[in-house]
Amino acid sequence: MRVIAGKARHLKLKTMEGMNTRPTTDRIKETLFNMLSFRVEGSRFLDLFSGSGAIGIEALSRGAKEAVFVENNRKAANCIRDNLKFTHLEEDAILIEKDVTAALHYLEEQGEIFDYIFMDPPYGKLLEKQVLCFLDQSHLCDENTTIIVESDLKTDFAYLNQTDFRIIKEKRYKTNKHTFIGL
């Protein structure tokens, strides 16, 4: 796994061994950032369930002003730290080692608003629903925020009809998909 473009282009990132995380493949990451295109530069990026930090690091490499990484697993958090140091992007990064719900409450208290909120939660546990329902009542996002959920192909977002969110677009791959959500 490597950084695709920007300041840290071509640098290889560390990943955790085992199946606790599912790193987003380079090809899917490239497709994702091509869809976000030039709008990443100068943005504030929130990477939930960060794993190795590859998505937030890609955003920083492409010119994001700041990336906040939320990861509860100690080994994964250490992997993020190592990757940020290796890519020389740690200055514009914040790593929060908390459960996602606790981190969201903390960020809410700080009055943070993000341009992009990316999440790749463990599949099949409805964690994306829990986060989206929190964000629906939160000030972490506004009408300019794009939320991107990486999930398996079976994940159903019908419950969004009961929120202020709407699906902007969906990009399907062989085994998973990116769902773009906004107000």
N, C-alpha and C. Protein backbone atom coordinates (compact mmCIF):
# COMPACT_ATOMS: atom_id res chain seq x y z
N MET A 1 0.86 -1.17 0.00
CA MET A 1 0.00 0.00 0.00
C MET A 1 0.90 1.23 0.00
N ARG A 2 0.52 2.21 -0.81
CA ARG A 2 1.37 3.40 -0.95
C ARG A 2 0.51 4.66 -1.04
N VAL A 3 1.16 5.80 -0.92
CA VAL A 3 0.48 7.07 -1.14
C VAL A 3 0.44 7.28 -2.65
N ILE A 4 -0.72 7.62 -3.17
CA ILE A 4 -0.91 7.69 -4.62
C ILE A 4 -0.39 8.99 -5.22
N ALA A 5 -0.68 10.13 -4.59
CA ALA A 5 -0.35 11.43 -5.20
C ALA A 5 0.01 12.45 -4.13
N GLY A 6 0.57 13.56 -4.60
CA GLY A 6 0.86 14.67 -3.71
C GLY A 6 2.26 14.65 -3.13
N LYS A 7 2.42 15.34 -2.00
CA LYS A 7 3.73 15.52 -1.35
C LYS A 7 4.42 14.21 -1.01
N ALA A 8 3.65 13.21 -0.59
CA ALA A 8 4.23 11.93 -0.16
C ALA A 8 4.08 10.84 -1.21
N ARG A 9 3.87 11.25 -2.44
CA ARG A 9 3.63 10.32 -3.54
C ARG A 9 4.66 9.19 -3.58
N HIS A 10 4.18 7.99 -3.82
CA HIS A 10 4.95 6.75 -3.98
C HIS A 10 5.51 6.17 -2.68
N LEU A 11 5.37 6.85 -1.55
CA LEU A 11 5.90 6.30 -0.30
C LEU A 11 5.02 5.14 0.15
N LYS A 12 5.67 4.04 0.54
CA LYS A 12 4.94 2.86 1.00
C LYS A 12 4.56 3.04 2.46
N LEU A 13 3.33 2.67 2.77
CA LEU A 13 2.82 2.77 4.13
C LEU A 13 2.83 1.41 4.81
N LYS A 14 3.02 1.44 6.13
CA LYS A 14 2.92 0.22 6.92
C LYS A 14 1.45 -0.13 7.09
N THR A 15 1.17 -1.41 7.20
CA THR A 15 -0.17 -1.87 7.53
C THR A 15 -0.05 -2.84 8.69
N MET A 16 -1.15 -3.05 9.36
CA MET A 16 -1.16 -4.02 10.46
C MET A 16 -1.27 -5.42 9.90
N GLU A 17 -0.58 -6.33 10.54
CA GLU A 17 -0.70 -7.73 10.13
C GLU A 17 -2.00 -8.30 10.66
N GLY A 18 -2.52 -9.30 9.97
CA GLY A 18 -3.75 -9.94 10.41
C GLY A 18 -4.96 -9.36 9.71
N MET A 19 -6.12 -9.77 10.18
CA MET A 19 -7.37 -9.40 9.53
C MET A 19 -8.18 -8.39 10.35
N ASN A 20 -7.53 -7.73 11.35
CA ASN A 20 -8.26 -6.75 12.16
C ASN A 20 -8.60 -5.51 11.36
N THR A 21 -7.82 -5.21 10.34
CA THR A 21 -8.12 -4.07 9.47
C THR A 21 -8.15 -4.56 8.03
N ARG A 22 -8.87 -3.84 7.19
CA ARG A 22 -8.93 -4.15 5.77
C ARG A 22 -8.43 -2.91 5.03
N PRO A 23 -7.14 -2.81 4.77
CA PRO A 23 -6.66 -1.61 4.09
C PRO A 23 -7.35 -1.41 2.74
N THR A 24 -7.72 -0.17 2.47
CA THR A 24 -8.31 0.17 1.18
C THR A 24 -7.23 0.01 0.13
N THR A 25 -7.52 -0.74 -0.92
CA THR A 25 -6.50 -1.00 -1.94
C THR A 25 -6.11 0.31 -2.64
N ASP A 26 -4.91 0.32 -3.20
CA ASP A 26 -4.43 1.51 -3.92
C ASP A 26 -5.39 1.91 -5.03
N ARG A 27 -5.91 0.92 -5.74
CA ARG A 27 -6.80 1.23 -6.88
C ARG A 27 -8.10 1.89 -6.39
N ILE A 28 -8.69 1.37 -5.32
CA ILE A 28 -9.92 1.96 -4.79
C ILE A 28 -9.64 3.33 -4.20
N LYS A 29 -8.50 3.48 -3.51
CA LYS A 29 -8.13 4.78 -2.95
C LYS A 29 -7.94 5.81 -4.05
N GLU A 30 -7.30 5.40 -5.14
CA GLU A 30 -7.10 6.31 -6.27
C GLU A 30 -8.44 6.73 -6.88
N THR A 31 -9.35 5.77 -7.05
CA THR A 31 -10.68 6.09 -7.58
C THR A 31 -11.41 7.06 -6.66
N LEU A 32 -11.35 6.80 -5.35
CA LEU A 32 -11.99 7.68 -4.38
C LEU A 32 -11.48 9.11 -4.50
N PHE A 33 -10.17 9.28 -4.50
CA PHE A 33 -9.61 10.63 -4.53
C PHE A 33 -9.76 11.29 -5.90
N ASN A 34 -9.86 10.51 -6.97
CA ASN A 34 -10.18 11.10 -8.27
C ASN A 34 -11.60 11.68 -8.26
N MET A 35 -12.50 11.03 -7.53
CA MET A 35 -13.87 11.53 -7.43
C MET A 35 -13.92 12.81 -6.57
N LEU A 36 -13.05 12.90 -5.57
CA LEU A 36 -13.00 14.10 -4.74
C LEU A 36 -12.22 15.22 -5.42
N SER A 37 -11.33 14.86 -6.30
CA SER A 37 -10.48 15.72 -7.13
C SER A 37 -9.86 16.88 -6.36
N PHE A 38 -9.93 18.04 -6.92
CA PHE A 38 -9.21 19.21 -6.41
C PHE A 38 -9.78 19.74 -5.10
N ARG A 39 -10.95 19.30 -4.68
CA ARG A 39 -11.60 19.86 -3.49
C ARG A 39 -10.93 19.44 -2.19
N VAL A 40 -10.01 18.50 -2.21
CA VAL A 40 -9.32 18.06 -0.99
C VAL A 40 -8.35 19.14 -0.51
N GLU A 41 -7.74 19.84 -1.44
CA GLU A 41 -6.74 20.85 -1.06
C GLU A 41 -7.38 21.91 -0.16
N GLY A 42 -6.74 22.14 0.99
CA GLY A 42 -7.20 23.14 1.95
C GLY A 42 -8.35 22.67 2.83
N SER A 43 -8.75 21.42 2.72
CA SER A 43 -9.91 20.91 3.47
C SER A 43 -9.51 20.42 4.85
N ARG A 44 -10.52 20.25 5.68
CA ARG A 44 -10.38 19.60 6.98
C ARG A 44 -10.99 18.21 6.81
N PHE A 45 -10.22 17.17 7.13
CA PHE A 45 -10.57 15.79 6.82
C PHE A 45 -10.62 14.97 8.10
N LEU A 46 -11.71 14.27 8.33
CA LEU A 46 -11.86 13.39 9.48
C LEU A 46 -11.87 11.95 8.99
N ASP A 47 -10.94 11.15 9.50
CA ASP A 47 -10.79 9.75 9.11
C ASP A 47 -11.16 8.88 10.31
N LEU A 48 -12.38 8.33 10.30
CA LEU A 48 -12.86 7.49 11.40
C LEU A 48 -12.54 6.03 11.12
N PHE A 49 -12.30 5.26 12.18
CA PHE A 49 -11.89 3.86 12.04
C PHE A 49 -10.66 3.82 11.12
N SER A 50 -9.64 4.57 11.46
CA SER A 50 -8.52 4.90 10.56
C SER A 50 -7.64 3.75 10.13
N GLY A 51 -7.53 2.69 10.93
CA GLY A 51 -6.66 1.58 10.55
C GLY A 51 -5.22 2.01 10.44
N SER A 52 -4.64 1.95 9.25
CA SER A 52 -3.25 2.37 9.03
C SER A 52 -3.13 3.87 8.80
N GLY A 53 -4.27 4.53 8.61
CA GLY A 53 -4.27 5.97 8.34
C GLY A 53 -4.13 6.32 6.88
N ALA A 54 -4.18 5.35 6.01
CA ALA A 54 -3.90 5.56 4.59
C ALA A 54 -4.81 6.60 3.93
N ILE A 55 -6.08 6.64 4.29
CA ILE A 55 -7.01 7.59 3.65
C ILE A 55 -6.69 9.01 4.09
N GLY A 56 -6.58 9.23 5.39
CA GLY A 56 -6.24 10.56 5.88
C GLY A 56 -4.88 11.03 5.42
N ILE A 57 -3.92 10.12 5.34
CA ILE A 57 -2.57 10.46 4.85
C ILE A 57 -2.64 10.85 3.38
N GLU A 58 -3.44 10.14 2.61
CA GLU A 58 -3.61 10.51 1.19
C GLU A 58 -4.19 11.92 1.09
N ALA A 59 -5.17 12.24 1.95
CA ALA A 59 -5.76 13.59 1.94
C ALA A 59 -4.70 14.64 2.28
N LEU A 60 -3.89 14.38 3.30
CA LEU A 60 -2.83 15.32 3.67
C LEU A 60 -1.82 15.47 2.53
N SER A 61 -1.45 14.37 1.92
CA SER A 61 -0.49 14.41 0.82
C SER A 61 -1.01 15.25 -0.34
N ARG A 62 -2.33 15.23 -0.53
CA ARG A 62 -2.96 15.98 -1.62
C ARG A 62 -3.33 17.41 -1.21
N GLY A 63 -2.88 17.84 -0.03
CA GLY A 63 -3.04 19.24 0.34
C GLY A 63 -4.12 19.58 1.34
N ALA A 64 -4.71 18.57 1.99
CA ALA A 64 -5.66 18.88 3.06
C ALA A 64 -4.96 19.71 4.12
N LYS A 65 -5.65 20.67 4.66
CA LYS A 65 -5.10 21.56 5.68
C LYS A 65 -4.86 20.80 6.99
N GLU A 66 -5.75 19.86 7.29
CA GLU A 66 -5.67 19.09 8.53
C GLU A 66 -6.39 17.78 8.35
N ALA A 67 -5.86 16.74 8.99
CA ALA A 67 -6.55 15.45 9.03
C ALA A 67 -6.58 14.98 10.48
N VAL A 68 -7.76 14.58 10.92
CA VAL A 68 -7.94 14.02 12.25
C VAL A 68 -8.20 12.54 12.07
N PHE A 69 -7.38 11.73 12.75
CA PHE A 69 -7.48 10.28 12.67
C PHE A 69 -8.09 9.77 13.98
N VAL A 70 -9.09 8.93 13.89
CA VAL A 70 -9.70 8.33 15.08
C VAL A 70 -9.51 6.82 14.98
N GLU A 71 -8.77 6.30 15.95
CA GLU A 71 -8.49 4.86 15.97
C GLU A 71 -8.34 4.41 17.41
N ASN A 72 -9.11 3.40 17.80
CA ASN A 72 -9.12 2.90 19.17
C ASN A 72 -8.10 1.78 19.41
N ASN A 73 -7.72 1.07 18.37
CA ASN A 73 -6.79 -0.04 18.49
C ASN A 73 -5.36 0.49 18.64
N ARG A 74 -4.70 0.13 19.72
CA ARG A 74 -3.36 0.66 20.02
C ARG A 74 -2.34 0.35 18.92
N LYS A 75 -2.35 -0.88 18.41
CA LYS A 75 -1.40 -1.24 17.35
C LYS A 75 -1.65 -0.44 16.09
N ALA A 76 -2.92 -0.25 15.75
CA ALA A 76 -3.26 0.54 14.56
C ALA A 76 -2.85 1.99 14.78
N ALA A 77 -3.08 2.54 15.97
CA ALA A 77 -2.69 3.92 16.26
C ALA A 77 -1.17 4.09 16.14
N ASN A 78 -0.41 3.11 16.60
CA ASN A 78 1.04 3.17 16.44
C ASN A 78 1.44 3.11 14.97
N CYS A 79 0.71 2.33 14.19
CA CYS A 79 0.95 2.24 12.75
C CYS A 79 0.69 3.61 12.10
N ILE A 80 -0.38 4.28 12.49
CA ILE A 80 -0.68 5.62 11.97
C ILE A 80 0.45 6.58 12.31
N ARG A 81 0.89 6.56 13.57
CA ARG A 81 2.00 7.43 13.99
C ARG A 81 3.24 7.19 13.13
N ASP A 82 3.58 5.93 12.93
CA ASP A 82 4.76 5.58 12.12
C ASP A 82 4.59 6.08 10.69
N ASN A 83 3.39 5.89 10.12
CA ASN A 83 3.15 6.32 8.74
C ASN A 83 3.19 7.84 8.61
N LEU A 84 2.65 8.55 9.58
CA LEU A 84 2.69 10.02 9.55
C LEU A 84 4.13 10.51 9.64
N LYS A 85 4.90 9.88 10.50
CA LYS A 85 6.31 10.29 10.66
C LYS A 85 7.08 9.99 9.36
N PHE A 86 6.88 8.80 8.80
CA PHE A 86 7.58 8.39 7.59
C PHE A 86 7.26 9.31 6.41
N THR A 87 6.02 9.76 6.32
CA THR A 87 5.60 10.62 5.20
C THR A 87 5.83 12.10 5.48
N HIS A 88 6.29 12.42 6.69
CA HIS A 88 6.54 13.82 7.11
C HIS A 88 5.25 14.66 7.07
N LEU A 89 4.14 14.03 7.42
CA LEU A 89 2.85 14.72 7.40
C LEU A 89 2.26 14.88 8.80
N GLU A 90 3.04 14.56 9.83
CA GLU A 90 2.51 14.58 11.19
C GLU A 90 2.16 15.98 11.69
N GLU A 91 2.75 17.00 11.12
CA GLU A 91 2.49 18.37 11.59
C GLU A 91 1.03 18.79 11.41
N ASP A 92 0.39 18.29 10.38
CA ASP A 92 -1.00 18.67 10.09
C ASP A 92 -1.99 17.59 10.48
N ALA A 93 -1.54 16.66 11.33
CA ALA A 93 -2.38 15.52 11.72
C ALA A 93 -2.65 15.53 13.22
N ILE A 94 -3.82 15.07 13.56
CA ILE A 94 -4.19 14.86 14.96
C ILE A 94 -4.68 13.42 15.06
N LEU A 95 -4.12 12.67 16.00
CA LEU A 95 -4.53 11.29 16.23
C LEU A 95 -5.29 11.23 17.55
N ILE A 96 -6.53 10.77 17.49
CA ILE A 96 -7.35 10.60 18.69
C ILE A 96 -7.49 9.11 18.93
N GLU A 97 -6.95 8.65 20.04
CA GLU A 97 -7.01 7.23 20.38
C GLU A 97 -8.18 6.99 21.31
N LYS A 98 -9.35 6.98 20.75
CA LYS A 98 -10.58 6.76 21.51
C LYS A 98 -11.54 5.96 20.66
N ASP A 99 -12.53 5.41 21.32
CA ASP A 99 -13.67 4.84 20.64
C ASP A 99 -14.29 5.94 19.77
N VAL A 100 -14.82 5.58 18.62
CA VAL A 100 -15.36 6.58 17.69
C VAL A 100 -16.44 7.45 18.34
N THR A 101 -17.32 6.87 19.11
CA THR A 101 -18.38 7.65 19.75
C THR A 101 -17.79 8.68 20.71
N ALA A 102 -16.84 8.26 21.53
CA ALA A 102 -16.19 9.20 22.46
C ALA A 102 -15.44 10.29 21.70
N ALA A 103 -14.78 9.91 20.62
CA ALA A 103 -14.05 10.89 19.81
C ALA A 103 -14.99 11.90 19.17
N LEU A 104 -16.13 11.44 18.68
CA LEU A 104 -17.10 12.36 18.08
C LEU A 104 -17.64 13.35 19.11
N HIS A 105 -17.90 12.87 20.31
CA HIS A 105 -18.35 13.77 21.38
C HIS A 105 -17.27 14.79 21.71
N TYR A 106 -16.02 14.34 21.78
CA TYR A 106 -14.89 15.23 22.04
C TYR A 106 -14.78 16.30 20.95
N LEU A 107 -14.84 15.89 19.69
CA LEU A 107 -14.73 16.84 18.58
C LEU A 107 -15.91 17.82 18.57
N GLU A 108 -17.08 17.32 18.93
CA GLU A 108 -18.27 18.17 19.01
C GLU A 108 -18.05 19.28 20.05
N GLU A 109 -17.47 18.91 21.18
CA GLU A 109 -17.19 19.88 22.24
C GLU A 109 -16.18 20.94 21.77
N GLN A 110 -15.29 20.54 20.87
CA GLN A 110 -14.27 21.46 20.36
C GLN A 110 -14.83 22.41 19.30
N GLY A 111 -16.05 22.16 18.86
CA GLY A 111 -16.67 23.01 17.85
C GLY A 111 -16.11 22.79 16.45
N GLU A 112 -15.62 21.60 16.19
CA GLU A 112 -15.02 21.27 14.90
C GLU A 112 -16.08 21.13 13.81
N ILE A 113 -15.75 21.55 12.60
CA ILE A 113 -16.56 21.27 11.41
C ILE A 113 -15.60 20.74 10.34
N PHE A 114 -15.99 19.68 9.68
CA PHE A 114 -15.12 19.05 8.69
C PHE A 114 -15.70 19.18 7.29
N ASP A 115 -14.81 19.27 6.31
CA ASP A 115 -15.21 19.27 4.91
C ASP A 115 -15.52 17.85 4.44
N TYR A 116 -14.71 16.89 4.94
CA TYR A 116 -14.87 15.48 4.59
C TYR A 116 -14.84 14.65 5.86
N ILE A 117 -15.76 13.70 5.94
CA ILE A 117 -15.76 12.71 7.01
C ILE A 117 -15.77 11.36 6.32
N PHE A 118 -14.68 10.62 6.49
CA PHE A 118 -14.55 9.30 5.87
C PHE A 118 -14.62 8.26 6.97
N MET A 119 -15.34 7.18 6.72
CA MET A 119 -15.35 6.08 7.68
C MET A 119 -15.35 4.74 6.97
N ASP A 120 -14.57 3.83 7.53
CA ASP A 120 -14.50 2.46 7.04
C ASP A 120 -14.62 1.54 8.26
N PRO A 121 -15.84 1.46 8.84
CA PRO A 121 -16.02 0.66 10.06
C PRO A 121 -16.01 -0.83 9.75
N PRO A 122 -15.83 -1.64 10.79
CA PRO A 122 -15.97 -3.09 10.59
C PRO A 122 -17.34 -3.38 9.96
N TYR A 123 -17.34 -4.27 8.99
CA TYR A 123 -18.56 -4.57 8.26
C TYR A 123 -19.55 -5.37 9.11
N GLY A 124 -20.83 -5.15 8.84
CA GLY A 124 -21.88 -5.97 9.43
C GLY A 124 -22.23 -5.65 10.87
N LYS A 125 -21.71 -4.57 11.43
CA LYS A 125 -21.99 -4.23 12.83
C LYS A 125 -22.85 -2.99 12.97
N LEU A 126 -23.26 -2.40 11.85
CA LEU A 126 -24.10 -1.20 11.82
C LEU A 126 -23.44 0.01 12.49
N LEU A 127 -22.12 0.02 12.56
CA LEU A 127 -21.43 1.16 13.17
C LEU A 127 -21.59 2.42 12.32
N GLU A 128 -21.69 2.25 10.99
CA GLU A 128 -21.90 3.42 10.14
C GLU A 128 -23.24 4.08 10.45
N LYS A 129 -24.26 3.28 10.75
CA LYS A 129 -25.57 3.83 11.11
C LYS A 129 -25.48 4.62 12.42
N GLN A 130 -24.78 4.06 13.38
CA GLN A 130 -24.60 4.73 14.67
C GLN A 130 -23.91 6.08 14.48
N VAL A 131 -22.85 6.11 13.67
CA VAL A 131 -22.11 7.35 13.42
C VAL A 131 -22.98 8.35 12.65
N LEU A 132 -23.67 7.89 11.62
CA LEU A 132 -24.50 8.79 10.83
C LEU A 132 -25.65 9.37 11.65
N CYS A 133 -26.23 8.58 12.52
CA CYS A 133 -27.30 9.10 13.39
C CYS A 133 -26.74 10.14 14.35
N PHE A 134 -25.52 9.95 14.84
CA PHE A 134 -24.88 10.96 15.69
C PHE A 134 -24.63 12.23 14.87
N LEU A 135 -24.07 12.07 13.68
CA LEU A 135 -23.73 13.23 12.84
C LEU A 135 -24.98 14.02 12.45
N ASP A 136 -26.11 13.33 12.31
CA ASP A 136 -27.36 14.00 11.95
C ASP A 136 -27.77 15.03 13.00
N GLN A 137 -27.39 14.80 14.24
CA GLN A 137 -27.72 15.71 15.34
C GLN A 137 -26.52 16.56 15.76
N SER A 138 -25.45 16.53 14.98
CA SER A 138 -24.17 17.12 15.37
C SER A 138 -23.87 18.39 14.58
N HIS A 139 -22.92 19.14 15.10
CA HIS A 139 -22.41 20.32 14.40
C HIS A 139 -21.06 20.04 13.74
N LEU A 140 -20.68 18.76 13.65
CA LEU A 140 -19.41 18.40 13.02
C LEU A 140 -19.46 18.52 11.50
N CYS A 141 -20.66 18.58 10.96
CA CYS A 141 -20.80 18.70 9.52
C CYS A 141 -21.86 19.75 9.21
N ASP A 142 -21.76 20.30 8.00
CA ASP A 142 -22.75 21.27 7.54
C ASP A 142 -23.08 20.95 6.08
N GLU A 143 -23.76 21.86 5.42
CA GLU A 143 -24.19 21.60 4.04
C GLU A 143 -23.03 21.48 3.05
N ASN A 144 -21.82 21.85 3.47
CA ASN A 144 -20.64 21.72 2.61
C ASN A 144 -19.84 20.45 2.89
N THR A 145 -20.25 19.68 3.87
CA THR A 145 -19.54 18.46 4.26
C THR A 145 -19.97 17.28 3.39
N THR A 146 -18.99 16.51 2.97
CA THR A 146 -19.26 15.24 2.29
C THR A 146 -18.84 14.12 3.22
N ILE A 147 -19.75 13.20 3.48
CA ILE A 147 -19.47 12.02 4.29
C ILE A 147 -19.31 10.86 3.33
N ILE A 148 -18.24 10.09 3.51
CA ILE A 148 -17.99 8.94 2.64
C ILE A 148 -17.92 7.70 3.53
N VAL A 149 -18.77 6.72 3.23
CA VAL A 149 -18.79 5.47 3.99
C VAL A 149 -18.30 4.35 3.08
N GLU A 150 -17.25 3.67 3.52
CA GLU A 150 -16.80 2.46 2.83
C GLU A 150 -17.48 1.29 3.54
N SER A 151 -18.18 0.46 2.77
CA SER A 151 -18.94 -0.64 3.37
C SER A 151 -19.01 -1.81 2.41
N ASP A 152 -19.55 -2.92 2.91
CA ASP A 152 -19.75 -4.05 2.00
C ASP A 152 -20.93 -3.74 1.08
N LEU A 153 -21.08 -4.52 0.05
CA LEU A 153 -22.10 -4.25 -0.96
C LEU A 153 -23.53 -4.38 -0.43
N LYS A 154 -23.72 -5.13 0.66
CA LYS A 154 -25.06 -5.37 1.20
C LYS A 154 -25.53 -4.27 2.15
N THR A 155 -24.65 -3.36 2.54
CA THR A 155 -25.03 -2.34 3.52
C THR A 155 -26.15 -1.48 2.96
N ASP A 156 -27.22 -1.39 3.74
CA ASP A 156 -28.42 -0.66 3.34
C ASP A 156 -28.48 0.68 4.09
N PHE A 157 -28.68 1.74 3.36
CA PHE A 157 -28.75 3.08 3.94
C PHE A 157 -30.17 3.64 3.91
N ALA A 158 -31.20 2.77 3.85
CA ALA A 158 -32.59 3.22 3.79
C ALA A 158 -32.96 4.08 5.00
N TYR A 159 -32.34 3.84 6.14
CA TYR A 159 -32.63 4.62 7.35
C TYR A 159 -32.30 6.10 7.20
N LEU A 160 -31.52 6.47 6.18
CA LEU A 160 -31.20 7.88 5.98
C LEU A 160 -32.45 8.71 5.70
N ASN A 161 -33.54 8.06 5.25
CA ASN A 161 -34.80 8.77 5.02
C ASN A 161 -35.34 9.39 6.30
N GLN A 162 -34.89 8.89 7.45
CA GLN A 162 -35.34 9.41 8.74
C GLN A 162 -34.38 10.47 9.28
N THR A 163 -33.41 10.88 8.46
CA THR A 163 -32.44 11.89 8.86
C THR A 163 -32.50 13.04 7.86
N ASP A 164 -31.65 14.03 8.09
CA ASP A 164 -31.53 15.13 7.13
C ASP A 164 -30.56 14.80 6.00
N PHE A 165 -29.91 13.64 6.07
CA PHE A 165 -28.93 13.26 5.06
C PHE A 165 -29.59 12.68 3.81
N ARG A 166 -28.84 12.76 2.72
CA ARG A 166 -29.26 12.13 1.47
C ARG A 166 -28.03 11.52 0.81
N ILE A 167 -28.24 10.49 0.05
CA ILE A 167 -27.14 9.88 -0.70
C ILE A 167 -26.90 10.72 -1.94
N ILE A 168 -25.68 11.16 -2.11
CA ILE A 168 -25.29 11.96 -3.27
C ILE A 168 -24.93 11.05 -4.43
N LYS A 169 -24.12 10.04 -4.14
CA LYS A 169 -23.77 9.05 -5.16
C LYS A 169 -23.19 7.83 -4.47
N GLU A 170 -23.08 6.76 -5.25
CA GLU A 170 -22.54 5.51 -4.76
C GLU A 170 -21.61 4.95 -5.82
N LYS A 171 -20.46 4.49 -5.40
CA LYS A 171 -19.50 3.86 -6.30
C LYS A 171 -19.29 2.43 -5.83
N ARG A 172 -19.66 1.48 -6.66
CA ARG A 172 -19.56 0.07 -6.30
C ARG A 172 -18.29 -0.53 -6.91
N TYR A 173 -17.65 -1.40 -6.14
CA TYR A 173 -16.49 -2.15 -6.57
C TYR A 173 -16.86 -3.64 -6.51
N LYS A 174 -15.90 -4.53 -6.68
CA LYS A 174 -16.20 -5.95 -6.67
C LYS A 174 -16.74 -6.43 -5.32
N THR A 175 -16.13 -5.99 -4.23
CA THR A 175 -16.50 -6.52 -2.91
C THR A 175 -17.03 -5.47 -1.95
N ASN A 176 -16.94 -4.20 -2.29
CA ASN A 176 -17.40 -3.15 -1.37
C ASN A 176 -17.87 -1.93 -2.18
N LYS A 177 -18.22 -0.87 -1.44
CA LYS A 177 -18.70 0.33 -2.11
C LYS A 177 -18.37 1.55 -1.28
N HIS A 178 -18.36 2.70 -1.95
CA HIS A 178 -18.28 4.01 -1.29
C HIS A 178 -19.62 4.69 -1.48
N THR A 179 -20.21 5.12 -0.39
CA THR A 179 -21.46 5.86 -0.43
C THR A 179 -21.16 7.29 0.01
N PHE A 180 -21.50 8.24 -0.84
CA PHE A 180 -21.26 9.67 -0.58
C PHE A 180 -22.56 10.25 -0.06
N ILE A 181 -22.49 10.90 1.09
CA ILE A 181 -23.68 11.38 1.79
C ILE A 181 -23.50 12.85 2.12
N GLY A 182 -24.57 13.61 2.01
CA GLY A 182 -24.53 15.04 2.36
C GLY A 182 -25.87 15.49 2.90
N LEU A 183 -25.89 16.74 3.34
CA LEU A 183 -27.14 17.34 3.84
C LEU A 183 -27.95 17.90 2.69
